[in-house]
């Protein structure tokens, strides 16, 4: 595979987290499309809430006879047993996570192992029907990326606890973001601009190479986009996301590398490393292992074993 080759990106996965010891979550999924694909016909999820987080792109959904429009960074929620679809339109190109959460009454009565009174409090807030679309937060993506990465690791009790912790934190982020979405849009416009810039620069291997060569992802450039001094930008970015901006960019590049490995079994790890702007395959392997907990080759072997098994 040439470092500059290009083909439509149609990566998609979903997993039933009940098989990983998380009884409340019937599905965690993600798609990363570079072209639009077939839309969703009207359907519902029995006794199951669905939360979608659109990282990049645009998407329209229909609930009943009403259309709702998302742009990158938005969250969309459908309640249990609500019929919804893409309203006759396609699933647009973009990057989106979705998570299906069973009603507590459909399981043990406890959400993600929380005590019953905490379960009631969380579920009541999630069950509010308005606003249905609102701005998400960068922390949501970090939690979702972490959960997705954990699916590639062998199941064990400590991993179940870690995964449940990310899920609880994710739901609390959703509740908080929904409650303050208007204020967030006013105060965090700088962060939205920066995140959209990062996502656009890393959208393809070609744009990633151009970004690395053109220094469009360095802290100074990101600070300029945010309208802040570099030192102030780094402090505010870490306060909002929990990690420094340079680390965030590296993690995003690793996520794209993992997606390329999934999409192209047998692809050269070295070519993927160079395609995403890493200076050497050795450096790429060390960064990948630091973030993913295994080398790219181990990751590829594990994914191939899962596909065959």
Protein backbone atom coordinates (compact mmCIF):
# COMPACT_ATOMS: atom_id res chain seq x y z
CA UNK A 1 0.00 0.00 0.00
CA UNK A 2 1.47 3.33 -1.05
CA UNK A 3 1.71 5.99 1.63
CA UNK A 4 -0.18 8.30 -0.74
CA UNK A 5 -2.84 5.86 -1.92
CA UNK A 6 -6.44 6.78 -1.25
CA UNK A 7 -9.64 4.79 -1.17
CA UNK A 8 -13.02 5.28 0.51
CA UNK A 9 -12.81 4.80 4.26
CA UNK A 10 -15.69 2.61 5.52
CA UNK A 11 -14.43 1.47 8.91
CA UNK A 12 -17.19 0.37 11.26
CA UNK A 13 -17.36 -1.83 14.35
CA UNK A 14 -19.82 -2.62 17.10
CA UNK A 15 -19.57 -4.73 20.23
CA UNK A 16 -22.03 -6.06 22.81
CA UNK A 17 -20.44 -5.03 26.10
CA UNK A 18 -22.54 -7.58 27.98
CA UNK A 19 -20.03 -10.08 26.63
CA UNK A 20 -17.36 -8.05 28.46
CA UNK A 21 -19.17 -8.12 31.81
CA UNK A 22 -21.03 -4.79 31.37
CA UNK A 23 -24.69 -5.83 31.58
CA UNK A 24 -26.14 -2.33 31.01
CA UNK A 25 -24.59 -1.74 27.55
CA UNK A 26 -25.98 -3.81 24.68
CA UNK A 27 -23.89 -2.06 22.03
CA UNK A 28 -20.93 0.26 21.61
CA UNK A 29 -20.23 1.16 18.00
CA UNK A 30 -18.21 3.51 15.85
CA UNK A 31 -18.07 4.32 12.17
CA UNK A 32 -15.55 6.40 10.25
CA UNK A 33 -16.82 6.99 6.71
CA UNK A 34 -15.07 9.02 4.03
CA UNK A 35 -18.14 8.72 1.77
CA UNK A 36 -21.85 8.69 2.50
CA UNK A 37 -23.53 5.29 2.79
CA UNK A 38 -27.02 3.82 3.00
CA UNK A 39 -29.32 5.57 5.44
CA UNK A 40 -31.03 3.99 8.43
CA UNK A 41 -34.60 2.78 7.96
CA UNK A 42 -37.11 3.54 10.74
CA UNK A 43 -36.35 1.31 13.71
CA UNK A 44 -36.44 1.30 17.50
CA UNK A 45 -34.43 -0.15 20.36
CA UNK A 46 -36.69 -1.98 22.78
CA UNK A 47 -36.15 -0.82 26.38
CA UNK A 48 -32.89 0.76 25.22
CA UNK A 49 -31.66 4.36 25.07
CA UNK A 50 -29.24 5.33 22.31
CA UNK A 51 -26.66 8.09 22.61
CA UNK A 52 -24.77 9.19 19.48
CA UNK A 53 -21.69 11.43 19.56
CA UNK A 54 -20.67 12.86 16.19
CA UNK A 55 -16.95 13.61 16.27
CA UNK A 56 -16.63 14.86 12.71
CA UNK A 57 -19.04 15.60 9.88
CA UNK A 58 -22.77 16.26 9.69
CA UNK A 59 -25.76 14.00 10.18
CA UNK A 60 -29.55 14.28 10.21
CA UNK A 61 -31.91 12.03 12.17
CA UNK A 62 -35.68 11.82 12.34
CA UNK A 63 -37.72 11.03 15.44
CA UNK A 64 -41.42 10.83 14.75
CA UNK A 65 -42.07 13.52 12.17
CA UNK A 66 -39.33 15.88 13.35
CA UNK A 67 -35.83 16.22 11.92
CA UNK A 68 -32.75 16.90 14.04
CA UNK A 69 -29.46 18.09 12.58
CA UNK A 70 -26.03 17.39 14.03
CA UNK A 71 -22.62 18.85 13.27
CA UNK A 72 -19.23 17.74 14.54
CA UNK A 73 -19.12 17.79 18.34
CA UNK A 74 -22.86 17.23 18.86
CA UNK A 75 -24.66 14.58 20.91
CA UNK A 76 -28.03 13.09 19.89
CA UNK A 77 -30.22 10.99 22.19
CA UNK A 78 -33.18 8.72 21.46
CA UNK A 79 -35.22 7.33 24.32
CA UNK A 80 -36.21 3.65 24.69
CA UNK A 81 -38.77 2.44 22.13
CA UNK A 82 -38.63 5.66 20.07
CA UNK A 83 -38.78 5.06 16.33
CA UNK A 84 -35.99 6.92 14.55
CA UNK A 85 -34.12 6.93 11.24
CA UNK A 86 -31.97 9.13 9.04
CA UNK A 87 -35.17 10.61 7.61
CA UNK A 88 -34.71 9.20 4.13
CA UNK A 89 -31.19 10.62 3.84
CA UNK A 90 -27.85 8.78 3.94
CA UNK A 91 -25.45 8.15 6.76
CA UNK A 92 -23.11 11.00 5.94
CA UNK A 93 -19.35 10.81 5.83
CA UNK A 94 -17.89 11.43 9.25
CA UNK A 95 -16.81 9.87 12.51
CA UNK A 96 -19.51 8.86 14.99
CA UNK A 97 -19.78 6.78 18.16
CA UNK A 98 -23.03 5.32 19.42
CA UNK A 99 -23.87 3.53 22.64
CA UNK A 100 -27.04 1.59 23.53
CA UNK A 101 -27.99 1.58 27.21
CA UNK A 102 -30.56 -0.84 28.59
CA UNK A 103 -33.15 0.53 31.00
CA UNK A 104 -32.26 -0.45 34.56
CA UNK A 105 -35.57 -2.32 34.79
CA UNK A 106 -34.38 -4.51 31.89
CA UNK A 107 -31.32 -5.69 33.83
CA UNK A 108 -30.56 -5.96 37.54
CA UNK A 109 -32.04 -2.57 38.34
CA UNK A 110 -28.56 -1.09 38.65
CA UNK A 111 -26.86 0.95 35.95
CA UNK A 112 -23.17 0.07 35.49
CA UNK A 113 -23.04 -1.31 39.01
CA UNK A 114 -24.17 1.93 40.66
CA UNK A 115 -26.32 1.73 43.80
CA UNK A 116 -30.04 1.93 43.07
CA UNK A 117 -30.49 5.51 44.26
CA UNK A 118 -27.60 6.66 42.05
CA UNK A 119 -29.00 4.62 39.16
CA UNK A 120 -32.34 6.41 39.51
CA UNK A 121 -30.66 9.82 39.57
CA UNK A 122 -28.57 9.15 36.45
CA UNK A 123 -31.40 7.54 34.50
CA UNK A 124 -33.86 10.32 35.31
CA UNK A 125 -31.45 12.92 33.95
CA UNK A 126 -30.68 10.89 30.83
CA UNK A 127 -34.41 10.38 30.24
CA UNK A 128 -35.11 14.09 29.78
CA UNK A 129 -36.36 14.53 26.23
CA UNK A 130 -35.04 18.05 25.67
CA UNK A 131 -32.70 19.09 24.31
CA UNK A 132 -32.32 16.07 22.08
CA UNK A 133 -29.27 17.52 20.29
CA UNK A 134 -26.60 19.44 22.19
CA UNK A 135 -22.89 20.11 22.19
CA UNK A 136 -20.63 17.38 23.54
CA UNK A 137 -17.20 17.70 25.12
CA UNK A 138 -13.70 16.50 24.17
CA UNK A 139 -13.68 14.36 27.32
CA UNK A 140 -16.52 12.27 25.86
CA UNK A 141 -14.34 11.23 22.93
CA UNK A 142 -11.45 10.40 25.25
CA UNK A 143 -13.70 8.06 27.27
CA UNK A 144 -15.14 6.45 24.13
CA UNK A 145 -11.69 5.98 22.58
CA UNK A 146 -10.48 4.40 25.81
CA UNK A 147 -13.42 1.98 25.91
CA UNK A 148 -12.92 1.05 22.25
CA UNK A 149 -9.22 0.41 22.90
CA UNK A 150 -10.07 -1.86 25.83
CA UNK A 151 -12.04 -4.14 23.51
CA UNK A 152 -8.73 -5.25 22.01
CA UNK A 153 -7.44 -6.45 25.38
CA UNK A 154 -8.17 -9.82 27.04
CA UNK A 155 -11.14 -9.70 29.37
CA UNK A 156 -10.45 -9.65 33.11
CA UNK A 157 -12.10 -8.30 36.25
CA UNK A 158 -9.91 -5.21 36.56
CA UNK A 159 -10.54 -4.31 32.93
CA UNK A 160 -14.30 -4.57 33.53
CA UNK A 161 -13.99 -2.12 36.43
CA UNK A 162 -11.91 0.26 34.30
CA UNK A 163 -14.40 0.06 31.43
CA UNK A 164 -17.37 0.64 33.74
CA UNK A 165 -15.55 3.65 35.19
CA UNK A 166 -15.14 5.19 31.74
CA UNK A 167 -18.81 4.53 30.99
CA UNK A 168 -20.01 6.17 34.21
CA UNK A 169 -17.77 9.18 33.53
CA UNK A 170 -19.11 9.34 29.97
CA UNK A 171 -22.73 9.43 31.14
CA UNK A 172 -21.96 12.11 33.70
CA UNK A 173 -20.29 14.15 30.93
CA UNK A 174 -23.44 13.74 28.81
CA UNK A 175 -25.67 14.90 31.67
CA UNK A 176 -23.47 17.91 32.43
CA UNK A 177 -23.10 18.89 28.76
CA UNK A 178 -26.84 18.71 28.17
CA UNK A 179 -27.51 20.91 31.20
CA UNK A 180 -25.02 23.58 30.15
CA UNK A 181 -25.03 23.31 26.35
CA UNK A 182 -25.96 26.93 25.77
CA UNK A 183 -23.25 28.23 28.08
CA UNK A 184 -20.73 25.80 26.57
CA UNK A 185 -21.37 27.09 23.07
CA UNK A 186 -20.78 30.64 24.27
CA UNK A 187 -17.65 30.02 26.33
CA UNK A 188 -15.89 27.21 24.48
CA UNK A 189 -15.98 28.43 20.89
CA UNK A 190 -12.18 28.49 20.93
CA UNK A 191 -12.09 24.78 21.79
CA UNK A 192 -14.59 23.91 19.06
CA UNK A 193 -12.45 25.75 16.51
CA UNK A 194 -9.31 23.92 17.64
CA UNK A 195 -10.97 20.48 17.62
CA UNK A 196 -12.45 21.04 14.18
CA UNK A 197 -9.02 22.11 12.91
CA UNK A 198 -7.35 19.01 14.37
CA UNK A 199 -9.99 16.68 12.92
CA UNK A 200 -9.77 18.28 9.48
CA UNK A 201 -5.96 18.12 9.44
CA UNK A 202 -6.00 14.42 10.41
CA UNK A 203 -8.94 13.43 8.20
CA UNK A 204 -6.79 11.41 5.75
CA UNK A 205 -3.19 10.17 5.59
CA UNK A 206 -2.56 12.79 2.90
CA UNK A 207 -3.85 15.67 4.99
CA UNK A 208 -1.97 14.32 8.02
CA UNK A 209 1.32 14.33 6.10
CA UNK A 210 0.64 17.85 4.89
CA UNK A 211 -0.17 18.95 8.45
CA UNK A 212 3.05 17.47 9.84
CA UNK A 213 5.16 18.98 7.05
CA UNK A 214 3.40 22.35 7.32
CA UNK A 215 3.48 22.51 11.14
CA UNK A 216 -0.27 23.15 11.28
CA UNK A 217 -0.71 21.00 14.40
CA UNK A 218 2.01 22.51 16.59
CA UNK A 219 0.94 24.19 19.81
CA UNK A 220 1.72 27.67 18.49
CA UNK A 221 -0.64 27.20 15.51
CA UNK A 222 -3.40 25.72 17.68
CA UNK A 223 -3.03 28.60 20.14
CA UNK A 224 -3.34 31.06 17.26
CA UNK A 225 -6.59 29.40 16.16
CA UNK A 226 -7.86 29.57 19.74
CA UNK A 227 -6.91 33.24 20.03
CA UNK A 228 -4.78 32.56 23.11
CA UNK A 229 -1.12 32.74 24.03
CA UNK A 230 0.63 29.34 23.80
CA UNK A 231 1.05 29.05 27.57
CA UNK A 232 -2.57 30.03 28.26
CA UNK A 233 -3.80 27.72 25.52
CA UNK A 234 -1.91 24.72 26.87
CA UNK A 235 -3.29 25.30 30.36
CA UNK A 236 -6.89 25.75 29.20
CA UNK A 237 -6.73 22.81 26.79
CA UNK A 238 -5.48 20.47 29.49
CA UNK A 239 -8.12 21.78 31.89
CA UNK A 240 -10.86 20.89 29.38
CA UNK A 241 -9.53 17.56 28.07
CA UNK A 242 -7.27 16.27 30.83
CA UNK A 243 -4.21 16.00 28.57
CA UNK A 244 -1.85 18.50 26.86
CA UNK A 245 -2.64 19.48 23.25
CA UNK A 246 0.45 17.79 21.80
CA UNK A 247 -0.51 14.52 23.51
CA UNK A 248 -4.06 14.85 22.22
CA UNK A 249 -2.79 15.17 18.64
CA UNK A 250 -0.51 12.14 19.05
CA UNK A 251 -3.42 10.08 20.42
CA UNK A 252 -5.58 11.09 17.47
CA UNK A 253 -2.85 9.96 15.05
CA UNK A 254 -2.58 6.62 16.85
CA UNK A 255 -6.37 6.16 16.65
CA UNK A 256 -6.18 6.69 12.90
CA UNK A 257 -3.32 4.21 12.67
CA UNK A 258 -5.40 1.62 14.53
CA UNK A 259 -8.28 2.24 12.12
CA UNK A 260 -5.97 1.74 9.11
CA UNK A 261 -4.71 -1.54 10.58
CA UNK A 262 -8.31 -2.72 11.07
CA UNK A 263 -9.34 -1.72 7.54
CA UNK A 264 -6.35 -3.17 5.67
CA UNK A 265 -5.27 -6.58 7.05
CA UNK A 266 -1.73 -7.35 5.96
CA UNK A 267 -0.84 -3.71 5.34
CA UNK A 268 2.74 -2.68 6.04
CA UNK A 269 3.11 -1.22 9.53
CA UNK A 270 6.04 0.84 8.26
CA UNK A 271 3.95 2.36 5.46
CA UNK A 272 1.16 3.19 7.90
CA UNK A 273 3.69 4.87 10.20
CA UNK A 274 5.07 7.04 7.41
CA UNK A 275 1.59 7.72 6.02
CA UNK A 276 0.64 9.28 9.35
CA UNK A 277 3.79 11.35 9.67
CA UNK A 278 5.79 9.31 12.20
CA UNK A 279 9.52 9.69 11.69
CA UNK A 280 10.28 5.96 11.90
CA UNK A 281 8.51 2.66 12.39
CA UNK A 282 10.38 2.20 15.68
CA UNK A 283 9.14 5.52 17.06
CA UNK A 284 5.63 4.74 15.82
CA UNK A 285 5.70 1.35 17.56
CA UNK A 286 6.82 2.87 20.87
CA UNK A 287 4.12 5.57 20.76
CA UNK A 288 1.45 3.07 19.72
CA UNK A 289 2.40 0.72 22.56
CA UNK A 290 2.37 3.57 25.10
CA UNK A 291 -1.15 4.54 24.14
CA UNK A 292 -2.65 1.18 23.13
CA UNK A 293 -0.77 -1.13 25.47
CA UNK A 294 0.60 -3.28 22.63
CA UNK A 295 2.74 -2.85 19.52
CA UNK A 296 1.11 -2.23 16.13
CA UNK A 297 2.11 -5.74 15.00
CA UNK A 298 0.57 -7.32 18.10
CA UNK A 299 -2.55 -5.24 17.52
CA UNK A 300 -2.76 -6.40 13.90
CA UNK A 301 -2.26 -10.05 14.89
CA UNK A 302 -4.94 -9.79 17.57
CA UNK A 303 -7.40 -8.17 15.15
CA UNK A 304 -6.72 -10.88 12.55
CA UNK A 305 -7.24 -13.60 15.17
CA UNK A 306 -10.54 -12.03 16.22
CA UNK A 307 -11.67 -11.80 12.58
CA UNK A 308 -10.82 -15.47 11.95
CA UNK A 309 -12.16 -16.75 15.22
